[in-house]
């Protein structure tokens, strides 16, 4: 994958995340978390996290809306999926680093002027 492709993928991910985040903050958060009622500053603060973690938000939103979530275990971590997510993120980081290591540097333009060393010269005087 080229760097431009990676950037495009991230842009698509964040665009989908922004739509999901706005829908969740507008319609879903009051149904999921009753303590968030009238917490408008809180909603703005969680927008960046919602944009990044939108698949998890959709999954938890669906569980809560369908009644499939056990209210006693509501805030306990999902251990099986957390392990898979950690492994997936580690693999993604390894792939990104491998792609970055295999990219060739852009050749230097031979017509560009050579860099000059900037330093004090004998012509400079204190005023």
Protein backbone atom coordinates (compact mmCIF):
# COMPACT_ATOMS: atom_id res chain seq x y z
CA UNK A 1 0.00 0.00 0.00
CA UNK A 2 1.37 3.37 -0.92
CA UNK A 3 1.50 6.25 1.55
CA UNK A 4 -1.25 8.00 -0.40
CA UNK A 5 -3.40 4.87 -0.09
CA UNK A 6 -2.76 4.74 3.63
CA UNK A 7 -3.76 8.38 4.00
CA UNK A 8 -6.91 7.78 1.95
CA UNK A 9 -7.79 4.79 4.16
CA UNK A 10 -7.36 6.88 7.31
CA UNK A 11 -9.48 9.68 5.81
CA UNK A 12 -12.29 7.23 4.98
CA UNK A 13 -12.06 5.69 8.48
CA UNK A 14 -12.33 9.12 10.11
CA UNK A 15 -15.16 10.24 7.79
CA UNK A 16 -17.23 7.18 8.71
CA UNK A 17 -16.26 7.75 12.35
CA UNK A 18 -17.41 11.38 12.21
CA UNK A 19 -20.84 10.36 10.88
CA UNK A 20 -21.21 7.61 13.49
CA UNK A 21 -19.99 9.94 16.27
CA UNK A 22 -22.47 12.67 15.37
CA UNK A 23 -25.34 10.19 15.19
CA UNK A 24 -24.34 8.58 18.48
CA UNK A 25 -23.90 11.87 20.31
CA UNK A 26 -27.21 13.16 18.95
CA UNK A 27 -29.45 10.11 19.28
CA UNK A 28 -27.71 7.23 21.01
CA UNK A 29 -25.89 8.43 24.09
CA UNK A 30 -29.05 9.18 26.09
CA UNK A 31 -30.30 5.63 25.50
CA UNK A 32 -26.98 3.99 26.31
CA UNK A 33 -25.87 6.05 29.29
CA UNK A 34 -28.63 7.70 31.32
CA UNK A 35 -26.08 9.75 33.29
CA UNK A 36 -25.11 11.61 30.10
CA UNK A 37 -28.43 13.46 29.87
CA UNK A 38 -27.87 17.21 29.50
CA UNK A 39 -24.10 16.67 29.45
CA UNK A 40 -23.42 18.68 26.32
CA UNK A 41 -19.78 19.53 27.06
CA UNK A 42 -19.14 15.84 27.71
CA UNK A 43 -20.52 15.01 24.28
CA UNK A 44 -18.07 17.36 22.60
CA UNK A 45 -15.18 15.90 24.59
CA UNK A 46 -15.85 12.32 23.52
CA UNK A 47 -16.19 13.09 19.78
CA UNK A 48 -12.51 12.39 18.88
CA UNK A 49 -12.57 9.02 20.62
CA UNK A 50 -15.85 8.10 18.97
CA UNK A 51 -14.38 8.97 15.55
CA UNK A 52 -11.50 6.56 16.12
CA UNK A 53 -13.41 3.74 17.82
CA UNK A 54 -16.59 3.83 15.74
CA UNK A 55 -16.83 0.03 15.13
CA UNK A 56 -16.80 -0.58 18.89
CA UNK A 57 -19.37 2.19 19.38
CA UNK A 58 -21.69 0.66 16.79
CA UNK A 59 -21.29 -2.78 18.31
CA UNK A 60 -22.05 -1.60 21.88
CA UNK A 61 -24.91 0.59 20.64
CA UNK A 62 -26.48 -2.39 18.85
CA UNK A 63 -26.10 -4.56 21.94
CA UNK A 64 -27.72 -1.98 24.18
CA UNK A 65 -30.57 -1.28 21.78
CA UNK A 66 -31.36 -4.96 21.22
CA UNK A 67 -31.34 -5.75 24.93
CA UNK A 68 -28.53 -8.27 24.51
CA UNK A 69 -26.30 -6.50 26.99
CA UNK A 70 -26.39 -7.71 30.60
CA UNK A 71 -26.67 -4.59 32.75
CA UNK A 72 -24.62 -6.17 35.59
CA UNK A 73 -21.61 -6.63 33.30
CA UNK A 74 -22.12 -3.35 31.48
CA UNK A 75 -18.80 -1.76 32.32
CA UNK A 76 -16.62 -4.85 32.54
CA UNK A 77 -14.16 -5.32 29.69
CA UNK A 78 -14.94 -7.67 26.86
CA UNK A 79 -11.90 -9.88 27.46
CA UNK A 80 -12.07 -12.12 24.39
CA UNK A 81 -12.56 -9.30 21.90
CA UNK A 82 -10.02 -7.08 23.70
CA UNK A 83 -7.34 -9.72 23.14
CA UNK A 84 -8.23 -9.98 19.46
CA UNK A 85 -8.26 -6.21 19.12
CA UNK A 86 -4.84 -5.94 20.79
CA UNK A 87 -3.39 -8.59 18.49
CA UNK A 88 -4.94 -6.90 15.46
CA UNK A 89 -3.54 -3.51 16.42
CA UNK A 90 -0.06 -4.99 16.99
CA UNK A 91 -0.22 -6.67 13.58
CA UNK A 92 -1.37 -3.41 11.95
CA UNK A 93 1.53 -1.50 13.51
CA UNK A 94 3.97 -4.15 12.26
CA UNK A 95 2.52 -3.94 8.74
CA UNK A 96 2.69 -0.13 8.75
CA UNK A 97 6.33 -0.20 9.90
CA UNK A 98 7.18 -2.81 7.25
CA UNK A 99 5.57 -0.69 4.53
CA UNK A 100 7.42 2.39 5.75
CA UNK A 101 10.73 0.52 5.75
CA UNK A 102 10.30 -0.71 2.18
CA UNK A 103 9.48 2.67 0.66
CA UNK A 104 12.26 4.16 -1.45
CA UNK A 105 13.34 7.70 -0.74
CA UNK A 106 12.61 10.32 -3.36
CA UNK A 107 15.72 11.04 -5.44
CA UNK A 108 17.29 14.44 -4.86
CA UNK A 109 16.85 16.89 -7.71
CA UNK A 110 20.31 17.60 -9.14
CA UNK A 111 19.28 21.10 -10.22
CA UNK A 112 18.51 22.20 -6.67
CA UNK A 113 21.10 24.48 -5.08
CA UNK A 114 23.46 22.91 -2.58
CA UNK A 115 22.73 23.69 1.07
CA UNK A 116 24.83 26.42 2.65
CA UNK A 117 26.16 26.44 6.17
CA UNK A 118 24.79 29.36 8.12
CA UNK A 119 27.07 30.83 10.70
CA UNK A 120 28.69 33.98 11.97
CA UNK A 121 30.96 35.77 9.53
CA UNK A 122 33.68 38.33 10.06
CA UNK A 123 31.38 41.02 8.68
CA UNK A 124 29.00 40.83 11.61
CA UNK A 125 29.51 43.31 14.39
CA UNK A 126 27.75 44.08 17.58
CA UNK A 127 25.90 47.35 17.48
